[in-house]
């Protein structure tokens, strides 16, 4: 013997259907002032208008607050980008003003703070296959194959979370930015290290660093009398 579905009061079924519609179409309901006014409890039309106006004002206030928060967040990003770009421009002008290869290296290593880093070094692969400690101030010799391992066979740069001991010669660096320098047959890197995490994250910051690295590459090539890449 089959069981029939229990009968339901039509008024209850209709109320549940309305509740289901409201849950599924909240955004559409919020935009439909006429339908919303019918749902707002009120003793007369005047009170219904007041309630609807109050709801509209509160909704506009909430949207305005959300837009302000988004604007403030974008302004903060722009301010940080402007400060970074200003530091990068200053370092670039100093690089152009360099009068020797040693000056160019000194500018590059001193530019660390302009890019939010704690230290910057110029790394070059050792020709004899041995990695020395420090060739001279701001310059480190690294093992052959290190550049390829860090940025890849064709990559121009990489943002890392470690590797300070290998590239900078010191531990404790939690953010590393390394950029390939095309200097003839001798693979090299311009490396910046920060003790803070995620220091070089962000497309704008990476682009700014990469641009300075390209300028450094050209300055070094000019002082070493190397052909254009």
N, C-alpha and C. Protein backbone atom coordinates (compact mmCIF):
# COMPACT_ATOMS: atom_id res chain seq x y z
N UNK A 1 0.84 -1.19 0.00
CA UNK A 1 0.00 0.00 0.00
C UNK A 1 0.87 1.24 0.00
N UNK A 2 0.70 2.10 -0.96
CA UNK A 2 1.54 3.29 -1.08
C UNK A 2 1.12 4.35 -0.09
N UNK A 3 2.13 5.12 0.37
CA UNK A 3 1.85 6.20 1.32
C UNK A 3 1.75 7.51 0.56
N UNK A 4 0.75 8.27 0.83
CA UNK A 4 0.59 9.57 0.18
C UNK A 4 1.28 10.64 0.99
N UNK A 5 1.75 11.68 0.32
CA UNK A 5 2.42 12.78 1.00
C UNK A 5 1.45 13.50 1.91
N UNK A 6 1.91 13.90 3.10
CA UNK A 6 1.00 14.60 4.02
C UNK A 6 0.54 15.92 3.43
N UNK A 7 -0.70 16.21 3.64
CA UNK A 7 -1.25 17.45 3.12
C UNK A 7 -0.70 18.63 3.89
N UNK A 8 -0.54 19.77 3.20
CA UNK A 8 0.02 20.95 3.82
C UNK A 8 -0.95 22.11 3.70
N UNK A 9 -0.97 22.91 4.71
CA UNK A 9 -1.83 24.09 4.68
C UNK A 9 -1.36 25.02 3.56
N UNK A 10 -2.20 25.45 2.67
CA UNK A 10 -1.80 26.32 1.55
C UNK A 10 -1.10 27.60 2.01
N UNK A 11 -1.55 28.19 3.10
CA UNK A 11 -0.95 29.43 3.59
C UNK A 11 0.48 29.18 4.08
N UNK A 12 0.70 28.05 4.76
CA UNK A 12 2.05 27.71 5.24
C UNK A 12 2.98 27.43 4.06
N UNK A 13 2.46 26.68 3.07
CA UNK A 13 3.27 26.37 1.89
C UNK A 13 3.66 27.64 1.14
N UNK A 14 2.74 28.59 1.05
CA UNK A 14 3.03 29.84 0.36
C UNK A 14 4.09 30.65 1.11
N UNK A 15 3.99 30.67 2.44
CA UNK A 15 4.97 31.41 3.25
C UNK A 15 6.37 30.81 3.08
N UNK A 16 6.47 29.49 3.06
CA UNK A 16 7.76 28.84 2.87
C UNK A 16 8.33 29.12 1.49
N UNK A 17 7.45 29.17 0.50
CA UNK A 17 7.91 29.48 -0.86
C UNK A 17 8.46 30.90 -0.94
N UNK A 18 7.81 31.85 -0.24
CA UNK A 18 8.30 33.22 -0.22
C UNK A 18 9.66 33.30 0.46
N UNK A 19 9.78 32.61 1.60
CA UNK A 19 11.06 32.61 2.31
C UNK A 19 12.17 32.03 1.44
N UNK A 20 11.87 30.95 0.71
CA UNK A 20 12.86 30.34 -0.17
C UNK A 20 13.27 31.30 -1.29
N UNK A 21 12.29 32.03 -1.82
CA UNK A 21 12.60 33.00 -2.88
C UNK A 21 13.51 34.11 -2.36
N UNK A 22 13.20 34.60 -1.14
CA UNK A 22 13.99 35.69 -0.56
C UNK A 22 15.42 35.24 -0.34
N UNK A 23 15.62 34.02 0.16
CA UNK A 23 16.97 33.51 0.39
C UNK A 23 17.75 33.40 -0.92
N UNK A 24 17.09 32.98 -1.98
CA UNK A 24 17.76 32.75 -3.27
C UNK A 24 17.99 34.03 -4.06
N UNK A 25 17.21 35.08 -3.77
CA UNK A 25 17.29 36.29 -4.60
C UNK A 25 17.41 37.53 -3.72
N UNK A 26 18.32 37.51 -2.77
CA UNK A 26 18.47 38.66 -1.86
C UNK A 26 18.91 39.92 -2.60
N UNK A 27 19.87 39.77 -3.53
CA UNK A 27 20.36 40.95 -4.25
C UNK A 27 19.26 41.56 -5.12
N UNK A 28 18.49 40.70 -5.79
CA UNK A 28 17.39 41.21 -6.63
C UNK A 28 16.34 41.90 -5.77
N UNK A 29 16.08 41.34 -4.60
CA UNK A 29 15.11 41.93 -3.70
C UNK A 29 15.56 43.30 -3.24
N UNK A 30 16.85 43.45 -2.93
CA UNK A 30 17.38 44.72 -2.44
C UNK A 30 17.25 45.81 -3.49
N UNK A 31 17.25 45.44 -4.77
CA UNK A 31 17.15 46.42 -5.85
C UNK A 31 15.71 46.72 -6.23
N UNK A 32 14.78 45.92 -5.74
CA UNK A 32 13.36 46.11 -6.08
C UNK A 32 12.67 46.85 -4.94
N UNK A 33 12.63 48.17 -5.04
CA UNK A 33 12.06 48.97 -3.96
C UNK A 33 10.59 48.69 -3.71
N UNK A 34 9.82 48.45 -4.76
CA UNK A 34 8.39 48.22 -4.60
C UNK A 34 8.13 46.92 -3.85
N UNK A 35 8.85 45.86 -4.25
CA UNK A 35 8.68 44.59 -3.57
C UNK A 35 9.17 44.66 -2.13
N UNK A 36 10.27 45.37 -1.92
CA UNK A 36 10.81 45.50 -0.58
C UNK A 36 9.85 46.25 0.33
N UNK A 37 9.20 47.26 -0.21
CA UNK A 37 8.27 48.05 0.62
C UNK A 37 7.08 47.20 1.06
N UNK A 38 6.69 46.23 0.25
CA UNK A 38 5.58 45.35 0.63
C UNK A 38 5.95 44.42 1.77
N UNK A 39 7.24 44.10 1.89
CA UNK A 39 7.69 43.19 2.93
C UNK A 39 7.97 43.89 4.25
N UNK A 40 8.20 45.22 4.21
CA UNK A 40 8.51 45.95 5.44
C UNK A 40 7.24 46.14 6.26
N UNK A 41 7.29 45.81 7.55
CA UNK A 41 6.09 45.99 8.39
C UNK A 41 5.81 47.46 8.65
N UNK A 42 4.57 47.86 8.50
CA UNK A 42 4.18 49.24 8.78
C UNK A 42 2.67 49.31 8.94
N UNK A 43 2.21 50.26 9.72
CA UNK A 43 0.77 50.40 9.96
C UNK A 43 0.09 51.21 8.86
N UNK A 44 0.86 52.05 8.15
CA UNK A 44 0.26 52.84 7.09
C UNK A 44 1.33 53.12 6.04
N UNK A 45 0.91 53.75 4.96
CA UNK A 45 1.82 54.00 3.85
C UNK A 45 2.95 54.94 4.24
N UNK A 46 2.69 55.93 5.09
CA UNK A 46 3.72 56.88 5.49
C UNK A 46 4.85 56.17 6.24
N UNK A 47 4.49 55.29 7.17
CA UNK A 47 5.50 54.56 7.91
C UNK A 47 6.29 53.63 6.99
N UNK A 48 5.60 53.07 5.99
CA UNK A 48 6.29 52.19 5.05
C UNK A 48 7.33 52.98 4.26
N UNK A 49 7.00 54.19 3.85
CA UNK A 49 7.94 55.03 3.12
C UNK A 49 9.14 55.38 4.00
N UNK A 50 8.90 55.68 5.28
CA UNK A 50 9.99 56.00 6.19
C UNK A 50 10.92 54.81 6.36
N UNK A 51 10.33 53.62 6.54
CA UNK A 51 11.16 52.42 6.70
C UNK A 51 11.97 52.14 5.45
N UNK A 52 11.37 52.31 4.29
CA UNK A 52 12.07 52.07 3.04
C UNK A 52 13.20 53.08 2.86
N UNK A 53 12.96 54.34 3.20
CA UNK A 53 14.00 55.35 3.09
C UNK A 53 15.15 55.05 4.03
N UNK A 54 14.81 54.63 5.25
CA UNK A 54 15.87 54.30 6.21
C UNK A 54 16.71 53.14 5.70
N UNK A 55 16.06 52.14 5.12
CA UNK A 55 16.80 50.99 4.58
C UNK A 55 17.71 51.43 3.44
N UNK A 56 17.19 52.29 2.55
CA UNK A 56 18.00 52.75 1.42
C UNK A 56 19.21 53.54 1.89
N UNK A 57 19.01 54.40 2.91
CA UNK A 57 20.12 55.19 3.43
C UNK A 57 21.18 54.30 4.07
N UNK A 58 20.74 53.32 4.84
CA UNK A 58 21.69 52.41 5.48
C UNK A 58 22.47 51.60 4.43
N UNK A 59 21.77 51.20 3.36
CA UNK A 59 22.43 50.45 2.30
C UNK A 59 23.47 51.33 1.59
N UNK A 60 23.12 52.58 1.32
CA UNK A 60 24.06 53.50 0.69
C UNK A 60 25.25 53.79 1.60
N UNK A 61 24.98 53.91 2.90
CA UNK A 61 26.06 54.17 3.85
C UNK A 61 27.05 53.01 3.87
N UNK A 62 26.52 51.78 3.87
CA UNK A 62 27.38 50.59 3.87
C UNK A 62 28.21 50.52 2.59
N UNK A 63 27.57 50.82 1.44
CA UNK A 63 28.30 50.79 0.18
C UNK A 63 29.37 51.88 0.15
N UNK A 64 29.05 53.04 0.72
CA UNK A 64 30.01 54.14 0.76
C UNK A 64 31.22 53.77 1.62
N UNK A 65 30.99 53.12 2.75
CA UNK A 65 32.08 52.69 3.61
C UNK A 65 32.97 51.67 2.91
N UNK A 66 32.33 50.76 2.16
CA UNK A 66 33.11 49.75 1.43
C UNK A 66 33.97 50.41 0.35
N UNK A 67 33.41 51.39 -0.36
CA UNK A 67 34.17 52.10 -1.39
C UNK A 67 35.32 52.89 -0.79
N UNK A 68 35.08 53.50 0.38
CA UNK A 68 36.15 54.25 1.04
C UNK A 68 37.29 53.32 1.46
N UNK A 69 36.93 52.15 1.99
CA UNK A 69 37.95 51.19 2.39
C UNK A 69 38.77 50.74 1.19
N UNK A 70 38.09 50.50 0.06
CA UNK A 70 38.80 50.09 -1.16
C UNK A 70 39.69 51.22 -1.66
N UNK A 71 39.19 52.47 -1.59
CA UNK A 71 39.99 53.62 -2.02
C UNK A 71 41.23 53.77 -1.15
N UNK A 72 41.07 53.65 0.16
CA UNK A 72 42.20 53.79 1.08
C UNK A 72 43.25 52.71 0.83
N UNK A 73 42.76 51.48 0.54
CA UNK A 73 43.71 50.39 0.27
C UNK A 73 44.49 50.67 -1.00
N UNK A 74 43.82 51.15 -2.04
CA UNK A 74 44.50 51.47 -3.30
C UNK A 74 45.46 52.64 -3.11
N UNK A 75 45.06 53.63 -2.32
CA UNK A 75 45.93 54.77 -2.06
C UNK A 75 47.19 54.33 -1.33
N UNK A 76 47.04 53.39 -0.39
CA UNK A 76 48.20 52.89 0.34
C UNK A 76 49.17 52.18 -0.59
N UNK A 77 48.60 51.38 -1.53
CA UNK A 77 49.47 50.70 -2.50
C UNK A 77 50.17 51.70 -3.40
N UNK A 78 49.44 52.73 -3.83
CA UNK A 78 50.05 53.74 -4.70
C UNK A 78 51.15 54.50 -3.97
N UNK A 79 50.92 54.81 -2.68
CA UNK A 79 51.93 55.53 -1.91
C UNK A 79 53.20 54.71 -1.78
N UNK A 80 53.05 53.41 -1.49
CA UNK A 80 54.22 52.55 -1.37
C UNK A 80 54.94 52.45 -2.71
N UNK A 81 54.14 52.34 -3.80
CA UNK A 81 54.77 52.27 -5.12
C UNK A 81 55.50 53.55 -5.47
N UNK A 82 54.93 54.70 -5.07
CA UNK A 82 55.58 55.98 -5.35
C UNK A 82 56.89 56.10 -4.60
N UNK A 83 56.90 55.68 -3.33
CA UNK A 83 58.13 55.76 -2.54
C UNK A 83 59.20 54.85 -3.14
N UNK A 84 58.77 53.64 -3.55
CA UNK A 84 59.74 52.72 -4.13
C UNK A 84 60.28 53.26 -5.44
N UNK A 85 59.40 53.82 -6.28
CA UNK A 85 59.84 54.36 -7.55
C UNK A 85 60.78 55.54 -7.35
N UNK A 86 60.51 56.35 -6.34
CA UNK A 86 61.37 57.50 -6.07
C UNK A 86 62.77 57.03 -5.68
N UNK A 87 62.85 56.00 -4.83
CA UNK A 87 64.16 55.46 -4.46
C UNK A 87 64.87 54.85 -5.65
N UNK A 88 64.09 54.17 -6.51
CA UNK A 88 64.69 53.58 -7.69
C UNK A 88 65.21 54.62 -8.66
N UNK A 89 64.48 55.72 -8.82
CA UNK A 89 64.94 56.80 -9.72
C UNK A 89 66.22 57.43 -9.20
N UNK A 90 66.30 57.62 -7.89
CA UNK A 90 67.49 58.21 -7.31
C UNK A 90 68.70 57.30 -7.51
N UNK A 91 68.51 55.99 -7.29
CA UNK A 91 69.60 55.04 -7.49
C UNK A 91 70.02 55.00 -8.95
N UNK A 92 69.04 55.11 -9.86
CA UNK A 92 69.36 55.08 -11.28
C UNK A 92 70.19 56.29 -11.68
N UNK A 93 69.85 57.47 -11.17
CA UNK A 93 70.62 58.67 -11.47
C UNK A 93 72.04 58.55 -10.94
N UNK A 94 72.20 57.98 -9.75
CA UNK A 94 73.54 57.79 -9.20
C UNK A 94 74.33 56.79 -10.05
N UNK A 95 73.65 55.79 -10.59
CA UNK A 95 74.31 54.82 -11.44
C UNK A 95 74.80 55.48 -12.73
N UNK A 96 73.98 56.36 -13.31
CA UNK A 96 74.39 57.08 -14.51
C UNK A 96 75.59 57.97 -14.23
N UNK A 97 75.66 58.48 -13.01
CA UNK A 97 76.74 59.40 -12.63
C UNK A 97 78.03 58.66 -12.27
N UNK A 98 77.98 57.32 -12.22
CA UNK A 98 79.19 56.56 -11.85
C UNK A 98 80.30 56.81 -12.86
N UNK A 99 81.52 56.92 -12.36
CA UNK A 99 82.66 57.25 -13.21
C UNK A 99 83.63 56.09 -13.39
N UNK A 100 83.30 54.93 -12.84
CA UNK A 100 84.16 53.76 -12.99
C UNK A 100 83.35 52.51 -12.70
N UNK A 101 83.92 51.36 -13.02
CA UNK A 101 83.27 50.09 -12.71
C UNK A 101 83.07 49.95 -11.21
N UNK A 102 84.07 50.35 -10.43
CA UNK A 102 83.96 50.28 -8.97
C UNK A 102 82.85 51.18 -8.46
N UNK A 103 82.68 52.35 -9.08
CA UNK A 103 81.60 53.26 -8.69
C UNK A 103 80.23 52.63 -8.95
N UNK A 104 80.10 51.97 -10.11
CA UNK A 104 78.83 51.34 -10.46
C UNK A 104 78.48 50.24 -9.45
N UNK A 105 79.46 49.44 -9.06
CA UNK A 105 79.23 48.38 -8.08
C UNK A 105 78.87 49.00 -6.73
N UNK A 106 79.55 50.08 -6.36
CA UNK A 106 79.27 50.75 -5.09
C UNK A 106 77.85 51.30 -5.07
N UNK A 107 77.40 51.88 -6.18
CA UNK A 107 76.04 52.40 -6.26
C UNK A 107 75.03 51.27 -6.13
N UNK A 108 75.29 50.16 -6.82
CA UNK A 108 74.37 49.02 -6.81
C UNK A 108 74.24 48.43 -5.41
N UNK A 109 75.34 48.31 -4.69
CA UNK A 109 75.28 47.74 -3.35
C UNK A 109 74.68 48.72 -2.35
N UNK A 110 74.91 50.01 -2.56
CA UNK A 110 74.35 51.02 -1.66
C UNK A 110 72.86 51.24 -1.90
N UNK A 111 72.35 50.75 -3.04
CA UNK A 111 70.94 50.96 -3.39
C UNK A 111 70.00 50.02 -2.63
N UNK A 112 70.54 49.17 -1.77
CA UNK A 112 69.70 48.19 -1.06
C UNK A 112 68.55 48.87 -0.32
N UNK A 113 68.84 49.90 0.45
CA UNK A 113 67.80 50.55 1.25
C UNK A 113 66.74 51.22 0.38
N UNK A 114 67.13 51.67 -0.81
CA UNK A 114 66.17 52.31 -1.71
C UNK A 114 65.10 51.34 -2.17
N UNK A 115 65.42 50.05 -2.16
CA UNK A 115 64.47 49.03 -2.60
C UNK A 115 63.94 48.20 -1.44
N UNK A 116 64.12 48.68 -0.22
CA UNK A 116 63.59 47.98 0.94
C UNK A 116 64.40 46.78 1.36
N UNK A 117 65.65 46.69 0.91
CA UNK A 117 66.51 45.55 1.25
C UNK A 117 67.50 45.94 2.34
N UNK A 118 68.07 44.93 2.98
CA UNK A 118 69.09 45.15 4.00
C UNK A 118 70.50 45.03 3.44
N UNK A 119 70.63 44.33 2.32
CA UNK A 119 71.96 44.15 1.73
C UNK A 119 71.81 43.85 0.24
N UNK A 120 72.77 44.32 -0.54
CA UNK A 120 72.80 44.04 -1.98
C UNK A 120 74.22 43.66 -2.36
N UNK A 121 74.36 42.66 -3.21
CA UNK A 121 75.68 42.20 -3.65
C UNK A 121 75.65 41.90 -5.15
N UNK A 122 76.83 41.91 -5.72
CA UNK A 122 77.03 41.55 -7.13
C UNK A 122 77.71 40.18 -7.13
N UNK A 123 77.00 39.16 -7.65
CA UNK A 123 77.53 37.79 -7.65
C UNK A 123 77.98 37.42 -9.06
N UNK A 124 79.16 36.82 -9.17
CA UNK A 124 79.67 36.38 -10.46
C UNK A 124 80.24 34.98 -10.31
N UNK A 125 79.95 34.11 -11.27
CA UNK A 125 80.42 32.73 -11.19
C UNK A 125 81.93 32.67 -11.35
N UNK A 126 82.59 31.91 -10.46
CA UNK A 126 84.04 31.77 -10.47
C UNK A 126 84.48 30.96 -11.68
N UNK A 127 85.45 31.48 -12.41
CA UNK A 127 85.91 30.81 -13.63
C UNK A 127 86.64 29.51 -13.34
N UNK A 128 87.30 29.41 -12.18
CA UNK A 128 88.09 28.23 -11.89
C UNK A 128 87.29 27.11 -11.24
N UNK A 129 85.96 27.34 -11.09
CA UNK A 129 85.13 26.29 -10.53
C UNK A 129 85.07 26.31 -9.02
N UNK A 130 85.75 27.23 -8.37
CA UNK A 130 85.73 27.32 -6.92
C UNK A 130 85.05 28.62 -6.50
N UNK A 131 84.27 28.56 -5.45
CA UNK A 131 83.59 29.74 -4.95
C UNK A 131 84.38 30.33 -3.80
N UNK A 132 84.92 31.51 -3.99
CA UNK A 132 85.65 32.17 -2.92
C UNK A 132 84.67 32.86 -1.99
N UNK A 133 85.13 33.30 -0.87
CA UNK A 133 84.25 33.95 0.10
C UNK A 133 83.79 35.30 -0.45
N UNK A 134 84.65 36.27 -0.48
CA UNK A 134 84.31 37.59 -1.02
C UNK A 134 85.48 38.10 -1.84
N UNK A 135 85.23 38.39 -3.10
CA UNK A 135 86.29 38.86 -3.99
C UNK A 135 86.73 40.26 -3.57
N UNK A 136 85.77 41.14 -3.39
CA UNK A 136 86.03 42.49 -2.90
C UNK A 136 84.71 43.01 -2.35
N UNK A 137 84.71 44.21 -1.80
CA UNK A 137 83.51 44.74 -1.17
C UNK A 137 82.34 44.82 -2.16
N UNK A 138 81.26 44.13 -1.83
CA UNK A 138 80.08 44.16 -2.68
C UNK A 138 80.09 43.14 -3.80
N UNK A 139 81.16 42.38 -3.95
CA UNK A 139 81.26 41.39 -5.03
C UNK A 139 81.55 40.01 -4.42
N UNK A 140 80.78 39.01 -4.86
CA UNK A 140 80.99 37.65 -4.37
C UNK A 140 81.17 36.70 -5.55
N UNK A 141 82.08 35.72 -5.39
CA UNK A 141 82.25 34.67 -6.37
C UNK A 141 81.39 33.48 -5.97
N UNK A 142 80.62 32.97 -6.93
CA UNK A 142 79.73 31.84 -6.67
C UNK A 142 80.09 30.69 -7.60
N UNK A 143 79.63 29.50 -7.25
CA UNK A 143 79.97 28.32 -8.04
C UNK A 143 79.32 28.35 -9.43
N UNK A 144 80.00 27.82 -10.45
CA UNK A 144 79.42 27.74 -11.78
C UNK A 144 78.10 26.97 -11.75
N UNK A 145 77.12 27.46 -12.47
CA UNK A 145 75.80 26.83 -12.51
C UNK A 145 74.81 27.44 -11.53
N UNK A 146 75.29 28.30 -10.63
CA UNK A 146 74.40 28.89 -9.63
C UNK A 146 73.37 29.80 -10.27
N UNK A 147 73.79 30.61 -11.25
CA UNK A 147 72.87 31.53 -11.90
C UNK A 147 71.73 30.77 -12.56
N UNK A 148 72.06 29.72 -13.28
CA UNK A 148 71.03 28.91 -13.95
C UNK A 148 70.10 28.26 -12.93
N UNK A 149 70.66 27.81 -11.81
CA UNK A 149 69.85 27.15 -10.78
C UNK A 149 68.89 28.13 -10.12
N UNK A 150 69.31 29.39 -9.99
CA UNK A 150 68.50 30.38 -9.28
C UNK A 150 67.39 30.94 -10.17
N UNK A 151 67.71 31.37 -11.38
CA UNK A 151 66.72 32.04 -12.23
C UNK A 151 66.25 31.19 -13.40
N UNK A 152 66.82 29.98 -13.56
CA UNK A 152 66.42 29.14 -14.68
C UNK A 152 67.28 29.39 -15.91
N UNK A 153 67.15 28.54 -16.92
CA UNK A 153 68.00 28.67 -18.11
C UNK A 153 67.77 29.96 -18.89
N UNK A 154 66.54 30.46 -18.90
CA UNK A 154 66.24 31.66 -19.68
C UNK A 154 65.61 32.77 -18.84
N UNK A 155 65.49 32.55 -17.55
CA UNK A 155 64.84 33.53 -16.69
C UNK A 155 65.71 34.75 -16.46
N UNK A 156 65.06 35.88 -16.20
CA UNK A 156 65.78 37.12 -15.94
C UNK A 156 65.87 37.43 -14.46
N UNK A 157 64.93 36.90 -13.66
CA UNK A 157 64.96 37.19 -12.24
C UNK A 157 64.13 36.21 -11.46
N UNK A 158 64.32 36.21 -10.14
CA UNK A 158 63.57 35.32 -9.26
C UNK A 158 63.45 35.95 -7.88
N UNK A 159 62.29 35.74 -7.25
CA UNK A 159 62.05 36.17 -5.88
C UNK A 159 62.03 34.91 -5.02
N UNK A 160 62.92 34.83 -4.04
CA UNK A 160 63.10 33.63 -3.23
C UNK A 160 62.84 33.93 -1.76
N UNK A 161 62.58 32.86 -1.01
CA UNK A 161 62.38 33.01 0.44
C UNK A 161 63.61 32.57 1.22
N UNK A 162 64.66 32.16 0.53
CA UNK A 162 65.88 31.72 1.19
C UNK A 162 67.04 31.72 0.21
N UNK A 163 68.21 31.32 0.68
CA UNK A 163 69.39 31.28 -0.17
C UNK A 163 70.40 32.35 0.15
N UNK A 164 70.21 33.01 1.30
CA UNK A 164 71.12 34.09 1.67
C UNK A 164 72.55 33.63 1.87
N UNK A 165 72.73 32.45 2.45
CA UNK A 165 74.07 31.96 2.70
C UNK A 165 74.79 31.67 1.39
N UNK A 166 74.07 31.15 0.41
CA UNK A 166 74.67 30.81 -0.88
C UNK A 166 74.99 32.07 -1.69
N UNK A 167 74.06 33.03 -1.73
CA UNK A 167 74.22 34.19 -2.61
C UNK A 167 74.84 35.40 -1.91
N UNK A 168 74.47 35.62 -0.67
CA UNK A 168 74.93 36.80 0.04
C UNK A 168 76.06 36.49 1.01
N UNK A 169 76.18 35.23 1.39
CA UNK A 169 77.25 34.84 2.29
C UNK A 169 76.87 34.96 3.76
N UNK A 170 75.61 35.21 4.02
CA UNK A 170 75.15 35.33 5.40
C UNK A 170 73.79 34.66 5.55
N UNK A 171 73.52 34.16 6.73
CA UNK A 171 72.22 33.54 7.00
C UNK A 171 71.26 34.58 7.58
N UNK A 172 70.02 34.18 7.69
CA UNK A 172 69.02 35.05 8.30
C UNK A 172 68.18 35.84 7.33
N UNK A 173 68.54 35.82 6.05
CA UNK A 173 67.76 36.57 5.06
C UNK A 173 66.54 35.75 4.65
N UNK A 174 65.35 36.36 4.79
CA UNK A 174 64.09 35.64 4.55
C UNK A 174 63.44 36.05 3.24
N UNK A 175 63.99 37.05 2.58
CA UNK A 175 63.52 37.46 1.26
C UNK A 175 64.73 37.75 0.38
N UNK A 176 64.75 37.13 -0.80
CA UNK A 176 65.86 37.32 -1.74
C UNK A 176 65.30 37.69 -3.11
N UNK A 177 65.89 38.70 -3.72
CA UNK A 177 65.56 39.06 -5.11
C UNK A 177 66.85 38.96 -5.92
N UNK A 178 66.85 38.11 -6.93
CA UNK A 178 68.05 37.88 -7.75
C UNK A 178 67.73 38.13 -9.21
N UNK A 179 68.60 38.88 -9.89
CA UNK A 179 68.38 39.22 -11.29
C UNK A 179 69.63 38.91 -12.11
N UNK A 180 69.42 38.22 -13.23
CA UNK A 180 70.53 37.86 -14.10
C UNK A 180 71.11 39.09 -14.77
N UNK A 181 72.44 39.14 -14.86
CA UNK A 181 73.15 40.19 -15.59
C UNK A 181 73.91 39.54 -16.74
N UNK A 182 73.60 39.94 -17.96
CA UNK A 182 74.25 39.39 -19.14
C UNK A 182 75.57 40.12 -19.36
N UNK A 183 76.65 39.48 -18.94
CA UNK A 183 77.99 40.10 -19.04
C UNK A 183 78.92 39.21 -19.84
N UNK A 184 78.59 39.01 -21.08
CA UNK A 184 79.41 38.15 -21.93
C UNK A 184 79.28 36.70 -21.53
N UNK A 185 80.43 36.03 -21.37
CA UNK A 185 80.43 34.60 -21.05
C UNK A 185 80.44 34.34 -19.55
N UNK A 186 80.50 35.40 -18.76
CA UNK A 186 80.58 35.22 -17.31
C UNK A 186 79.21 35.46 -16.67
N UNK A 187 78.49 34.38 -16.28
CA UNK A 187 77.17 34.56 -15.66
C UNK A 187 77.27 35.32 -14.35
N UNK A 188 76.31 36.24 -14.12
CA UNK A 188 76.34 37.06 -12.92
C UNK A 188 74.92 37.36 -12.46
N UNK A 189 74.81 37.77 -11.20
CA UNK A 189 73.53 38.11 -10.58
C UNK A 189 73.66 39.40 -9.77
N UNK A 190 72.59 40.17 -9.79
CA UNK A 190 72.46 41.28 -8.84
C UNK A 190 71.46 40.79 -7.80
N UNK A 191 71.90 40.72 -6.54
CA UNK A 191 71.11 40.08 -5.49
C UNK A 191 70.84 41.07 -4.36
N UNK A 192 69.58 41.13 -3.94
CA UNK A 192 69.19 41.92 -2.78
C UNK A 192 68.59 40.99 -1.73
N UNK A 193 68.91 41.24 -0.48
CA UNK A 193 68.40 40.41 0.60
C UNK A 193 67.76 41.24 1.69
N UNK A 194 66.67 40.72 2.25
CA UNK A 194 65.99 41.39 3.35
C UNK A 194 65.78 40.40 4.49
N UNK A 195 65.87 40.91 5.71
CA UNK A 195 65.63 40.07 6.88
C UNK A 195 64.15 39.86 7.13
N UNK A 196 63.30 40.61 6.43
CA UNK A 196 61.85 40.50 6.58
C UNK A 196 61.26 39.57 5.52
N UNK A 197 60.16 38.94 5.84
CA UNK A 197 59.49 38.05 4.90
C UNK A 197 58.71 38.86 3.85
N UNK A 198 58.62 38.30 2.65
CA UNK A 198 57.78 38.85 1.58
C UNK A 198 58.12 40.30 1.23
N UNK A 199 59.37 40.69 1.42
CA UNK A 199 59.77 42.08 1.19
C UNK A 199 59.66 42.47 -0.28
N UNK A 200 59.91 41.52 -1.18
CA UNK A 200 59.96 41.86 -2.61
C UNK A 200 58.75 41.33 -3.37
N UNK A 201 57.69 40.96 -2.65
CA UNK A 201 56.48 40.49 -3.31
C UNK A 201 55.76 41.65 -3.97
N UNK A 202 55.06 41.37 -5.05
CA UNK A 202 54.32 42.42 -5.76
C UNK A 202 54.91 42.68 -7.13
N UNK A 203 54.04 42.76 -8.12
CA UNK A 203 54.48 42.92 -9.50
C UNK A 203 55.21 44.24 -9.72
N UNK A 204 54.71 45.34 -9.11
CA UNK A 204 55.34 46.64 -9.31
C UNK A 204 56.74 46.68 -8.72
N UNK A 205 56.90 46.12 -7.52
CA UNK A 205 58.20 46.14 -6.87
C UNK A 205 59.21 45.30 -7.66
N UNK A 206 58.77 44.12 -8.11
CA UNK A 206 59.66 43.26 -8.89
C UNK A 206 60.06 43.94 -10.20
N UNK A 207 59.10 44.64 -10.84
CA UNK A 207 59.39 45.34 -12.09
C UNK A 207 60.38 46.47 -11.85
N UNK A 208 60.24 47.19 -10.73
CA UNK A 208 61.15 48.27 -10.40
C UNK A 208 62.57 47.75 -10.19
N UNK A 209 62.69 46.67 -9.47
CA UNK A 209 64.00 46.06 -9.23
C UNK A 209 64.61 45.55 -10.53
N UNK A 210 63.77 44.91 -11.34
CA UNK A 210 64.26 44.38 -12.61
C UNK A 210 64.76 45.48 -13.53
N UNK A 211 64.07 46.62 -13.55
CA UNK A 211 64.50 47.74 -14.39
C UNK A 211 65.87 48.25 -13.93
N UNK A 212 66.06 48.38 -12.61
CA UNK A 212 67.35 48.84 -12.11
C UNK A 212 68.45 47.83 -12.44
N UNK A 213 68.13 46.54 -12.37
CA UNK A 213 69.11 45.51 -12.71
C UNK A 213 69.53 45.61 -14.17
N UNK A 214 68.57 45.90 -15.06
CA UNK A 214 68.91 46.06 -16.47
C UNK A 214 69.82 47.27 -16.68
N UNK A 215 69.53 48.35 -15.94
CA UNK A 215 70.38 49.54 -16.04
C UNK A 215 71.78 49.24 -15.51
N UNK A 216 71.87 48.49 -14.42
CA UNK A 216 73.17 48.10 -13.87
C UNK A 216 73.94 47.25 -14.87
N UNK A 217 73.26 46.34 -15.51
CA UNK A 217 73.89 45.48 -16.52
C UNK A 217 74.52 46.33 -17.63
N UNK A 218 73.79 47.31 -18.11
CA UNK A 218 74.30 48.17 -19.19
C UNK A 218 75.48 49.01 -18.72
N UNK A 219 75.40 49.50 -17.47
CA UNK A 219 76.51 50.30 -16.95
C UNK A 219 77.78 49.46 -16.84
N UNK A 220 77.65 48.23 -16.35
CA UNK A 220 78.82 47.36 -16.21
C UNK A 220 79.39 47.00 -17.57
N UNK A 221 78.49 46.71 -18.52
CA UNK A 221 78.96 46.36 -19.87
C UNK A 221 79.72 47.53 -20.48
N UNK A 222 79.26 48.74 -20.21
CA UNK A 222 79.94 49.91 -20.77
C UNK A 222 81.32 50.08 -20.14
N UNK A 223 81.43 49.92 -18.83
CA UNK A 223 82.72 50.10 -18.17
C UNK A 223 83.69 48.97 -18.47
N UNK A 224 83.18 47.77 -18.78
CA UNK A 224 84.05 46.67 -19.15
C UNK A 224 84.27 46.60 -20.66
N UNK A 225 83.68 47.57 -21.39
CA UNK A 225 83.83 47.64 -22.83
C UNK A 225 83.34 46.37 -23.52
N UNK A 226 82.20 45.85 -23.05
CA UNK A 226 81.60 44.67 -23.65
C UNK A 226 80.59 45.10 -24.71
N UNK A 227 80.38 44.29 -25.74
CA UNK A 227 79.38 44.64 -26.77
C UNK A 227 77.98 44.63 -26.19
N UNK A 228 77.06 45.34 -26.85
CA UNK A 228 75.68 45.36 -26.41
C UNK A 228 75.08 43.97 -26.50
N UNK A 229 74.21 43.66 -25.52
CA UNK A 229 73.57 42.34 -25.49
C UNK A 229 72.52 42.25 -26.57
